Amino acid sequence: MAGATLEIAAAILYLCAFVLQVMTVRGNDAQATMKSKPSRSLLTLALAAMALLIHLKLSFHQLVGDSGFDFSLLPVSVALFAVINLIVITSCLHQPMHNLFLLLFPATALALVVSALYYREPAATRILAPGLGAHILLSLVAYSLLTVAALEALFLAYQNRQLHQHHSSVLMRILPPLQTMESLLFSVLGTGFVLLTLALITGFVFVEDLLAQHLVHKTVFSLLAWLVYAILMWGRFKLGWRGKIATYWTLGGFFALMLAFWGSKFVLEVLLSQPTSG
């Protein structure tokens, strides 16, 4: 009960930070608003940081129990949002990534509310070997970074569309220049791709009996995502891919990765009622 109360409290804090960000965006001149009212920006970050601290504590207690680890759908989903928020909020200290709050915070609040309503501590958990732990940690951080990249790609697609249609919405005035957005996108993508590569390598080394664990479909979609990202990185550095091409490939890779992670867990745990290992 206490855990559910804290989840609701964190969700409310995220939504308050979201509302403040919306108020900033809806100003008559968003850029001027950010400069003339730095207190609003600081308050947004403060609320987000408070929510994140609660969120991280909850995620740790859900994942790590007295008798082992719980890697079922809800606790892992909540943990993913915690890592994603940690990356975005800390990045905002030195990168113009506040725009991601508009998509990230409502989704995080929804995940926390769902967890508060439906999560039940399992009767049995598992002991985690060091090698498998490294694989899961790498996978978690890689997926989080590539989710951030997908969010950046959505804003980049919106920005490209507005520019081609010669529109100048309020949101456009707070987004960084297109070149900066693309640089941010590929910076996050590059790091996420490296970690995804390491996660796949450690998975092949330390995860045994993939077929017996019903993880073959997860492996196939993960490899497909890796291939999409590899082609995208090659196209960026060899052919100078950018704009729509970069956006489509980024979202395509993320879709495959989403099927690998959430799709496999949903099928196994909800439809087939079988536990997964990570």
C-alpha atoms as a PDB file:
ATOM      1  CA  MET A   1       0.000   0.000   0.000  1.00  0.00           C
ATOM      2  CA  ALA A   2       2.823   2.385   0.862  1.00  0.00           C
ATOM      3  CA  GLY A   3       4.483   1.621  -2.469  1.00  0.00           C
ATOM      4  CA  ALA A   4       1.283   2.398  -4.363  1.00  0.00           C
ATOM      5  CA  THR A   5       0.908   5.688  -2.485  1.00  0.00           C
ATOM      6  CA  LEU A   6       4.450   6.700  -3.404  1.00  0.00           C
ATOM      7  CA  GLU A   7       3.830   5.759  -7.035  1.00  0.00           C
ATOM      8  CA  ILE A   8       0.768   8.003  -7.146  1.00  0.00           C
ATOM      9  CA  ALA A   9       2.758  10.796  -5.474  1.00  0.00           C
ATOM     10  CA  ALA A  10       5.538  10.476  -8.070  1.00  0.00           C
ATOM     11  CA  ALA A  11       2.946  10.463 -10.865  1.00  0.00           C
ATOM     12  CA  ILE A  12       1.397  13.681  -9.527  1.00  0.00           C
ATOM     13  CA  LEU A  13       4.817  15.363  -9.354  1.00  0.00           C
ATOM     14  CA  TYR A  14       5.573  14.337 -12.949  1.00  0.00           C
ATOM     15  CA  LEU A  15       2.219  15.735 -14.079  1.00  0.00           C
ATOM     16  CA  CYS A  16       2.853  19.008 -12.226  1.00  0.00           C
ATOM     17  CA  ALA A  17       6.203  19.319 -14.004  1.00  0.00           C
ATOM     18  CA  PHE A  18       4.433  18.539 -17.295  1.00  0.00           C
ATOM     19  CA  VAL A  19       1.850  21.284 -16.687  1.00  0.00           C
ATOM     20  CA  LEU A  20       4.601  23.813 -15.978  1.00  0.00           C
ATOM     21  CA  GLN A  21       6.353  22.845 -19.201  1.00  0.00           C
ATOM     22  CA  VAL A  22       3.097  23.234 -21.134  1.00  0.00           C
ATOM     23  CA  MET A  23       2.630  26.690 -19.587  1.00  0.00           C
ATOM     24  CA  THR A  24       6.109  27.601 -20.809  1.00  0.00           C
ATOM     25  CA  VAL A  25       5.371  26.370 -24.326  1.00  0.00           C
ATOM     26  CA  ARG A  26       2.021  28.143 -24.521  1.00  0.00           C
ATOM     27  CA  GLY A  27       3.493  31.555 -23.715  1.00  0.00           C
ATOM     28  CA  ASN A  28       3.144  34.215 -26.385  1.00  0.00           C
ATOM     29  CA  ASP A  29       6.890  34.151 -26.917  1.00  0.00           C
ATOM     30  CA  ALA A  30       8.276  30.891 -25.548  1.00  0.00           C
ATOM     31  CA  GLN A  31      11.919  31.848 -25.844  1.00  0.00           C
ATOM     32  CA  ALA A  32      11.312  35.078 -23.971  1.00  0.00           C
ATOM     33  CA  THR A  33       9.321  33.216 -21.362  1.00  0.00           C
ATOM     34  CA  MET A  34      12.223  30.882 -20.648  1.00  0.00           C
ATOM     35  CA  LYS A  35      14.582  33.833 -20.259  1.00  0.00           C
ATOM     36  CA  SER A  36      12.315  36.147 -18.299  1.00  0.00           C
ATOM     37  CA  LYS A  37      10.970  33.442 -15.980  1.00  0.00           C
ATOM     38  CA  PRO A  38      13.868  31.133 -15.146  1.00  0.00           C
ATOM     39  CA  SER A  39      12.104  30.313 -11.883  1.00  0.00           C
ATOM     40  CA  ARG A  40       9.480  28.359 -13.828  1.00  0.00           C
ATOM     41  CA  SER A  41      12.148  26.299 -15.559  1.00  0.00           C
ATOM     42  CA  LEU A  42      13.912  25.664 -12.249  1.00  0.00           C
ATOM     43  CA  LEU A  43      10.630  24.695 -10.600  1.00  0.00           C
ATOM     44  CA  THR A  44       9.905  22.268 -13.433  1.00  0.00           C
ATOM     45  CA  LEU A  45      13.291  20.608 -12.968  1.00  0.00           C
ATOM     46  CA  ALA A  46      12.864  20.580  -9.183  1.00  0.00           C
ATOM     47  CA  LEU A  47       9.493  18.834  -9.391  1.00  0.00           C
ATOM     48  CA  ALA A  48      10.868  16.390 -11.952  1.00  0.00           C
ATOM     49  CA  ALA A  49      13.880  15.660  -9.745  1.00  0.00           C
ATOM     50  CA  MET A  50      11.642  15.010  -6.717  1.00  0.00           C
ATOM     51  CA  ALA A  51       9.473  12.669  -8.775  1.00  0.00           C
ATOM     52  CA  LEU A  52      12.560  10.919 -10.112  1.00  0.00           C
ATOM     53  CA  LEU A  53      14.011  10.293  -6.644  1.00  0.00           C
ATOM     54  CA  ILE A  54      10.782   8.626  -5.528  1.00  0.00           C
ATOM     55  CA  HIS A  55      10.595   6.772  -8.835  1.00  0.00           C
ATOM     56  CA  LEU A  56      14.141   5.389  -8.558  1.00  0.00           C
ATOM     57  CA  LYS A  57      13.567   4.213  -4.988  1.00  0.00           C
ATOM     58  CA  LEU A  58      10.341   2.460  -5.962  1.00  0.00           C
ATOM     59  CA  SER A  59      11.949   0.816  -8.985  1.00  0.00           C
ATOM     60  CA  PHE A  60      14.822  -0.517  -6.911  1.00  0.00           C
ATOM     61  CA  HIS A  61      12.487  -2.058  -4.322  1.00  0.00           C
ATOM     62  CA  GLN A  62      10.301  -3.609  -7.029  1.00  0.00           C
ATOM     63  CA  LEU A  63      13.216  -5.113  -8.944  1.00  0.00           C
ATOM     64  CA  VAL A  64      15.319  -6.207  -5.960  1.00  0.00           C
ATOM     65  CA  GLY A  65      13.574  -8.285  -3.315  1.00  0.00           C
ATOM     66  CA  ASP A  66      14.854 -10.079  -0.231  1.00  0.00           C
ATOM     67  CA  SER A  67      14.973 -13.409  -2.047  1.00  0.00           C
ATOM     68  CA  GLY A  68      15.995 -12.307  -5.520  1.00  0.00           C
ATOM     69  CA  PHE A  69      14.989 -10.211  -8.529  1.00  0.00           C
ATOM     70  CA  ASP A  70      11.632  -9.615 -10.184  1.00  0.00           C
ATOM     71  CA  PHE A  71      11.871  -8.959 -13.941  1.00  0.00           C
ATOM     72  CA  SER A  72       8.186  -9.205 -14.778  1.00  0.00           C
ATOM     73  CA  LEU A  73       6.460  -6.720 -17.076  1.00  0.00           C
ATOM     74  CA  LEU A  74       5.326  -3.994 -14.659  1.00  0.00           C
ATOM     75  CA  PRO A  75       8.464  -3.540 -12.507  1.00  0.00           C
ATOM     76  CA  VAL A  76      10.748  -3.606 -15.544  1.00  0.00           C
ATOM     77  CA  SER A  77       8.541  -1.093 -17.383  1.00  0.00           C
ATOM     78  CA  VAL A  78       8.566   1.238 -14.368  1.00  0.00           C
ATOM     79  CA  ALA A  79      12.356   0.841 -14.095  1.00  0.00           C
ATOM     80  CA  LEU A  80      12.774   1.683 -17.788  1.00  0.00           C
ATOM     81  CA  PHE A  81      10.861   4.919 -17.353  1.00  0.00           C
ATOM     82  CA  ALA A  82      13.016   5.709 -14.315  1.00  0.00           C
ATOM     83  CA  VAL A  83      16.240   5.309 -16.302  1.00  0.00           C
ATOM     84  CA  ILE A  84      14.833   7.269 -19.257  1.00  0.00           C
ATOM     85  CA  ASN A  85      13.813  10.132 -16.973  1.00  0.00           C
ATOM     86  CA  LEU A  86      17.198  10.048 -15.255  1.00  0.00           C
ATOM     87  CA  ILE A  87      18.936  10.397 -18.634  1.00  0.00           C
ATOM     88  CA  VAL A  88      16.674  13.207 -19.860  1.00  0.00           C
ATOM     89  CA  ILE A  89      16.552  15.226 -16.626  1.00  0.00           C
ATOM     90  CA  THR A  90      20.326  15.124 -16.091  1.00  0.00           C
ATOM     91  CA  SER A  91      20.916  15.888 -19.783  1.00  0.00           C
ATOM     92  CA  CYS A  92      18.792  19.030 -19.432  1.00  0.00           C
ATOM     93  CA  LEU A  93      21.526  20.506 -17.257  1.00  0.00           C
ATOM     94  CA  HIS A  94      23.788  20.881 -20.316  1.00  0.00           C
ATOM     95  CA  GLN A  95      21.621  20.076 -23.379  1.00  0.00           C
ATOM     96  CA  PRO A  96      18.358  21.657 -24.661  1.00  0.00           C
ATOM     97  CA  MET A  97      16.183  18.580 -24.080  1.00  0.00           C
ATOM     98  CA  HIS A  98      13.332  20.122 -22.055  1.00  0.00           C
ATOM     99  CA  ASN A  99      10.977  19.512 -24.987  1.00  0.00           C
ATOM    100  CA  LEU A 100      11.039  15.783 -24.207  1.00  0.00           C
ATOM    101  CA  PHE A 101       9.158  16.485 -20.964  1.00  0.00           C
ATOM    102  CA  LEU A 102       5.996  17.008 -23.019  1.00  0.00           C
ATOM    103  CA  LEU A 103       5.918  13.354 -24.108  1.00  0.00           C
ATOM    104  CA  LEU A 104       7.867  11.658 -21.354  1.00  0.00           C
ATOM    105  CA  PHE A 105       6.223  12.876 -18.152  1.00  0.00           C
ATOM    106  CA  PRO A 106       2.588  11.965 -19.021  1.00  0.00           C
ATOM    107  CA  ALA A 107       3.706   8.512 -20.196  1.00  0.00           C
ATOM    108  CA  THR A 108       5.714   8.019 -17.003  1.00  0.00           C
ATOM    109  CA  ALA A 109       2.794   9.094 -14.828  1.00  0.00           C
ATOM    110  CA  LEU A 110       0.542   6.614 -16.635  1.00  0.00           C
ATOM    111  CA  ALA A 111       3.042   3.785 -16.096  1.00  0.00           C
ATOM    112  CA  LEU A 112       3.262   4.590 -12.381  1.00  0.00           C
ATOM    113  CA  VAL A 113      -0.525   4.684 -11.966  1.00  0.00           C
ATOM    114  CA  VAL A 114      -0.915   1.341 -13.768  1.00  0.00           C
ATOM    115  CA  SER A 115       1.783  -0.156 -11.555  1.00  0.00           C
ATOM    116  CA  ALA A 116       0.125   1.221  -8.414  1.00  0.00           C
ATOM    117  CA  LEU A 117      -3.180  -0.358  -9.427  1.00  0.00           C
ATOM    118  CA  TYR A 118      -2.023  -3.743 -10.703  1.00  0.00           C
ATOM    119  CA  TYR A 119       1.459  -4.617  -9.414  1.00  0.00           C
ATOM    120  CA  ARG A 120       1.608  -7.382  -6.813  1.00  0.00           C
ATOM    121  CA  GLU A 121       4.857  -8.593  -5.293  1.00  0.00           C
ATOM    122  CA  PRO A 122       5.568 -12.103  -6.637  1.00  0.00           C
ATOM    123  CA  ALA A 123       5.637 -15.093  -4.316  1.00  0.00           C
ATOM    124  CA  ALA A 124       8.912 -16.300  -5.845  1.00  0.00           C
ATOM    125  CA  THR A 125      11.777 -14.353  -7.385  1.00  0.00           C
ATOM    126  CA  ARG A 126      15.152 -15.415  -8.764  1.00  0.00           C
ATOM    127  CA  ILE A 127      18.804 -15.152  -7.889  1.00  0.00           C
ATOM    128  CA  LEU A 128      20.793 -13.203 -10.488  1.00  0.00           C
ATOM    129  CA  ALA A 129      24.178 -14.374 -11.777  1.00  0.00           C
ATOM    130  CA  PRO A 130      26.749 -11.581 -12.363  1.00  0.00           C
ATOM    131  CA  GLY A 131      26.952 -12.166 -16.130  1.00  0.00           C
ATOM    132  CA  LEU A 132      23.191 -12.111 -16.557  1.00  0.00           C
ATOM    133  CA  GLY A 133      23.045  -9.022 -14.353  1.00  0.00           C
ATOM    134  CA  ALA A 134      25.482  -7.233 -16.672  1.00  0.00           C
ATOM    135  CA  HIS A 135      23.353  -8.215 -19.671  1.00  0.00           C
ATOM    136  CA  ILE A 136      20.153  -6.904 -18.065  1.00  0.00           C
ATOM    137  CA  LEU A 137      21.789  -3.651 -16.943  1.00  0.00           C
ATOM    138  CA  LEU A 138      23.242  -3.003 -20.407  1.00  0.00           C
ATOM    139  CA  SER A 139      19.890  -3.817 -22.005  1.00  0.00           C
ATOM    140  CA  LEU A 140      18.048  -1.477 -19.651  1.00  0.00           C
ATOM    141  CA  VAL A 141      20.336   1.495 -20.295  1.00  0.00           C
ATOM    142  CA  ALA A 142      20.535   0.811 -24.059  1.00  0.00           C
ATOM    143  CA  TYR A 143      16.757   0.611 -24.371  1.00  0.00           C
ATOM    144  CA  SER A 144      16.380   3.795 -22.335  1.00  0.00           C
ATOM    145  CA  LEU A 145      18.816   5.734 -24.529  1.00  0.00           C
ATOM    146  CA  LEU A 146      17.202   4.476 -27.725  1.00  0.00           C
ATOM    147  CA  THR A 147      13.793   5.471 -26.347  1.00  0.00           C
ATOM    148  CA  VAL A 148      15.146   8.981 -25.788  1.00  0.00           C
ATOM    149  CA  ALA A 149      16.414   8.907 -29.390  1.00  0.00           C
ATOM    150  CA  ALA A 150      12.948   7.901 -30.603  1.00  0.00           C
ATOM    151  CA  LEU A 151      11.388  10.824 -28.710  1.00  0.00           C
ATOM    152  CA  GLU A 152      13.969  13.153 -30.255  1.00  0.00           C
ATOM    153  CA  ALA A 153      13.121  11.707 -33.675  1.00  0.00           C
ATOM    154  CA  LEU A 154       9.432  12.511 -33.174  1.00  0.00           C
ATOM    155  CA  PHE A 155      10.243  16.142 -32.414  1.00  0.00           C
ATOM    156  CA  LEU A 156      12.662  16.222 -35.350  1.00  0.00           C
ATOM    157  CA  ALA A 157       9.916  14.932 -37.655  1.00  0.00           C
ATOM    158  CA  TYR A 158       7.548  17.604 -36.340  1.00  0.00           C
ATOM    159  CA  GLN A 159      10.206  20.269 -36.834  1.00  0.00           C
ATOM    160  CA  ASN A 160      10.917  19.162 -40.420  1.00  0.00           C
ATOM    161  CA  ARG A 161       7.221  19.143 -41.258  1.00  0.00           C
ATOM    162  CA  GLN A 162       6.675  22.627 -39.820  1.00  0.00           C
ATOM    163  CA  LEU A 163       9.660  24.010 -41.738  1.00  0.00           C
ATOM    164  CA  HIS A 164       8.548  22.490 -45.037  1.00  0.00           C
ATOM    165  CA  GLN A 165       5.033  23.875 -44.558  1.00  0.00           C
ATOM    166  CA  HIS A 166       6.467  27.269 -43.533  1.00  0.00           C
ATOM    167  CA  HIS A 167       4.644  27.169 -40.198  1.00  0.00           C
ATOM    168  CA  SER A 168       5.948  28.675 -36.973  1.00  0.00           C
ATOM    169  CA  SER A 169       4.032  27.266 -34.021  1.00  0.00           C
ATOM    170  CA  VAL A 170       4.721  28.100 -30.390  1.00  0.00           C
ATOM    171  CA  LEU A 171       6.462  24.754 -29.936  1.00  0.00           C
ATOM    172  CA  MET A 172       8.758  25.525 -32.867  1.00  0.00           C
ATOM    173  CA  ARG A 173       9.996  28.612 -31.052  1.00  0.00           C
ATOM    174  CA  ILE A 174      11.306  26.623 -28.094  1.00  0.00           C
ATOM    175  CA  LEU A 175      12.835  23.767 -30.075  1.00  0.00           C
ATOM    176  CA  PRO A 176      16.587  24.020 -30.701  1.00  0.00           C
ATOM    177  CA  PRO A 177      17.746  24.640 -34.294  1.00  0.00           C
ATOM    178  CA  LEU A 178      17.353  21.685 -36.660  1.00  0.00           C
ATOM    179  CA  GLN A 179      21.095  21.045 -36.810  1.00  0.00           C
ATOM    180  CA  THR A 180      21.290  20.947 -33.008  1.00  0.00           C
ATOM    181  CA  MET A 181      18.358  18.526 -32.855  1.00  0.00           C
ATOM    182  CA  GLU A 182      20.055  16.206 -35.347  1.00  0.00           C
ATOM    183  CA  SER A 183      23.344  16.357 -33.443  1.00  0.00           C
ATOM    184  CA  LEU A 184      21.542  15.475 -30.210  1.00  0.00           C
ATOM    185  CA  LEU A 185      19.735  12.625 -31.943  1.00  0.00           C
ATOM    186  CA  PHE A 186      22.880  10.978 -33.288  1.00  0.00           C
ATOM    187  CA  SER A 187      24.784  11.566 -30.068  1.00  0.00           C
ATOM    188  CA  VAL A 188      22.160   9.612 -28.137  1.00  0.00           C
ATOM    189  CA  LEU A 189      21.826   7.045 -30.933  1.00  0.00           C
ATOM    190  CA  GLY A 190      25.560   6.374 -31.030  1.00  0.00           C
ATOM    191  CA  THR A 191      25.781   5.694 -27.305  1.00  0.00           C
ATOM    192  CA  GLY A 192      22.626   3.596 -27.340  1.00  0.00           C
ATOM    193  CA  PHE A 193      23.859   1.555 -30.302  1.00  0.00           C
ATOM    194  CA  VAL A 194      27.161   0.745 -28.581  1.00  0.00           C
ATOM    195  CA  LEU A 195      25.352  -0.359 -25.418  1.00  0.00           C
ATOM    196  CA  LEU A 196      22.836  -2.397 -27.437  1.00  0.00           C
ATOM    197  CA  THR A 197      25.753  -4.165 -29.121  1.00  0.00           C
ATOM    198  CA  LEU A 198      27.288  -4.987 -25.735  1.00  0.00           C
ATOM    199  CA  ALA A 199      23.896  -6.120 -24.423  1.00  0.00           C
ATOM    200  CA  LEU A 200      23.483  -8.538 -27.338  1.00  0.00           C
ATOM    201  CA  ILE A 201      27.006  -9.909 -26.890  1.00  0.00           C
ATOM    202  CA  THR A 202      26.523 -10.504 -23.162  1.00  0.00           C
ATOM    203  CA  GLY A 203      23.126 -12.043 -23.899  1.00  0.00           C
ATOM    204  CA  PHE A 204      24.616 -14.625 -26.251  1.00  0.00           C
ATOM    205  CA  VAL A 205      27.375 -15.374 -23.740  1.00  0.00           C
ATOM    206  CA  PHE A 206      25.430 -15.499 -20.468  1.00  0.00           C
ATOM    207  CA  VAL A 207      21.789 -16.306 -21.327  1.00  0.00           C
ATOM    208  CA  GLU A 208      21.431 -20.066 -21.726  1.00  0.00           C
ATOM    209  CA  ASP A 209      18.742 -22.095 -23.520  1.00  0.00           C
ATOM    210  CA  LEU A 210      17.102 -19.249 -25.400  1.00  0.00           C
ATOM    211  CA  LEU A 211      14.615 -21.602 -27.052  1.00  0.00           C
ATOM    212  CA  ALA A 212      13.716 -23.291 -23.767  1.00  0.00           C
ATOM    213  CA  GLN A 213      13.090 -19.878 -22.227  1.00  0.00           C
ATOM    214  CA  HIS A 214      10.869 -18.855 -25.135  1.00  0.00           C
ATOM    215  CA  LEU A 215      13.192 -15.937 -25.896  1.00  0.00           C
ATOM    216  CA  VAL A 216      13.961 -16.677 -29.535  1.00  0.00           C
ATOM    217  CA  HIS A 217      11.465 -14.077 -30.813  1.00  0.00           C
ATOM    218  CA  LYS A 218      12.972 -11.497 -28.454  1.00  0.00           C
ATOM    219  CA  THR A 219      16.426 -12.303 -29.838  1.00  0.00           C
ATOM    220  CA  VAL A 220      15.249 -12.035 -33.446  1.00  0.00           C
ATOM    221  CA  PHE A 221      13.616  -8.627 -32.944  1.00  0.00           C
ATOM    222  CA  SER A 222      16.634  -7.375 -30.966  1.00  0.00           C
ATOM    223  CA  LEU A 223      18.965  -8.401 -33.791  1.00  0.00           C
ATOM    224  CA  LEU A 224      16.629  -6.760 -36.312  1.00  0.00           C
ATOM    225  CA  ALA A 225      16.708  -3.539 -34.276  1.00  0.00           C
ATOM    226  CA  TRP A 226      20.508  -3.712 -34.087  1.00  0.00           C
ATOM    227  CA  LEU A 227      20.687  -4.147 -37.877  1.00  0.00           C
ATOM    228  CA  VAL A 228      18.412  -1.143 -38.469  1.00  0.00           C
ATOM    229  CA  TYR A 229      20.502   1.044 -36.162  1.00  0.00           C
ATOM    230  CA  ALA A 230      23.739  -0.221 -37.739  1.00  0.00           C
ATOM    231  CA  ILE A 231      22.498   0.717 -41.220  1.00  0.00           C
ATOM    232  CA  LEU A 232      21.393   4.116 -39.913  1.00  0.00           C
ATOM    233  CA  MET A 233      24.788   4.838 -38.335  1.00  0.00           C
ATOM    234  CA  TRP A 234      26.547   3.721 -41.533  1.00  0.00           C
ATOM    235  CA  GLY A 235      24.239   5.910 -43.636  1.00  0.00           C
ATOM    236  CA  ARG A 236      24.882   8.880 -41.375  1.00  0.00           C
ATOM    237  CA  PHE A 237      28.671   8.699 -41.559  1.00  0.00           C
ATOM    238  CA  LYS A 238      29.043   7.454 -45.149  1.00  0.00           C
ATOM    239  CA  LEU A 239      26.100   9.053 -46.949  1.00  0.00           C
ATOM    240  CA  GLY A 240      25.242  11.953 -44.650  1.00  0.00           C
ATOM    241  CA  TRP A 241      21.726  10.760 -43.857  1.00  0.00           C
ATOM    242  CA  ARG A 242      19.623  13.295 -41.964  1.00  0.00           C
ATOM    243  CA  GLY A 243      16.107  14.684 -41.733  1.00  0.00           C
ATOM    244  CA  LYS A 244      13.282  12.348 -42.734  1.00  0.00           C
ATOM    245  CA  ILE A 245      15.573   9.413 -43.513  1.00  0.00           C
ATOM    246  CA  ALA A 246      17.204   9.564 -40.087  1.00  0.00           C
ATOM    247  CA  THR A 247      13.804   9.911 -38.426  1.00  0.00           C
ATOM    248  CA  TYR A 248      12.255   6.926 -40.218  1.00  0.00           C
ATOM    249  CA  TRP A 249      15.209   4.633 -39.518  1.00  0.00           C
ATOM    250  CA  THR A 250      15.354   5.701 -35.870  1.00  0.00           C
ATOM    251  CA  LEU A 251      11.664   5.005 -35.343  1.00  0.00           C
ATOM    252  CA  GLY A 252      11.897   1.751 -37.306  1.00  0.00           C
ATOM    253  CA  GLY A 253      14.709   0.495 -35.099  1.00  0.00           C
ATOM    254  CA  PHE A 254      12.822   1.514 -31.980  1.00  0.00           C
ATOM    255  CA  PHE A 255       9.675  -0.279 -33.170  1.00  0.00           C
ATOM    256  CA  ALA A 256      11.651  -3.523 -33.572  1.00  0.00           C
ATOM    257  CA  LEU A 257      13.226  -3.009 -30.154  1.00  0.00           C
ATOM    258  CA  MET A 258       9.812  -2.329 -28.626  1.00  0.00           C
ATOM    259  CA  LEU A 259       8.508  -5.607 -30.046  1.00  0.00           C
ATOM    260  CA  ALA A 260      11.575  -7.388 -28.675  1.00  0.00           C
ATOM    261  CA  PHE A 261      11.114  -6.040 -25.174  1.00  0.00           C
ATOM    262  CA  TRP A 262       7.525  -5.144 -24.357  1.00  0.00           C
ATOM    263  CA  GLY A 263       6.001  -7.353 -27.046  1.00  0.00           C
ATOM    264  CA  SER A 264       7.738 -10.518 -25.850  1.00  0.00           C
ATOM    265  CA  LYS A 265       6.979  -9.792 -22.189  1.00  0.00           C
ATOM    266  CA  PHE A 266       3.314  -9.087 -22.930  1.00  0.00           C
ATOM    267  CA  VAL A 267       2.871 -12.299 -24.916  1.00  0.00           C
ATOM    268  CA  LEU A 268       4.673 -14.484 -22.370  1.00  0.00           C
ATOM    269  CA  GLU A 269       3.327 -12.985 -19.147  1.00  0.00           C
ATOM    270  CA  VAL A 270      -0.147 -11.800 -20.120  1.00  0.00           C
ATOM    271  CA  LEU A 271      -1.241 -14.085 -22.956  1.00  0.00           C
ATOM    272  CA  LEU A 272       0.707 -17.244 -22.061  1.00  0.00           C
ATOM    273  CA  SER A 273       1.164 -16.582 -18.312  1.00  0.00           C
ATOM    274  CA  GLN A 274       4.818 -17.621 -18.335  1.00  0.00           C
ATOM    275  CA  PRO A 275       7.587 -15.781 -16.418  1.00  0.00           C
ATOM    276  CA  THR A 276      10.460 -14.149 -18.295  1.00  0.00           C
ATOM    277  CA  SER A 277      14.070 -13.780 -17.235  1.00  0.00           C
ATOM    278  CA  GLY A 278      14.696 -10.180 -18.265  1.00  0.00           C
END
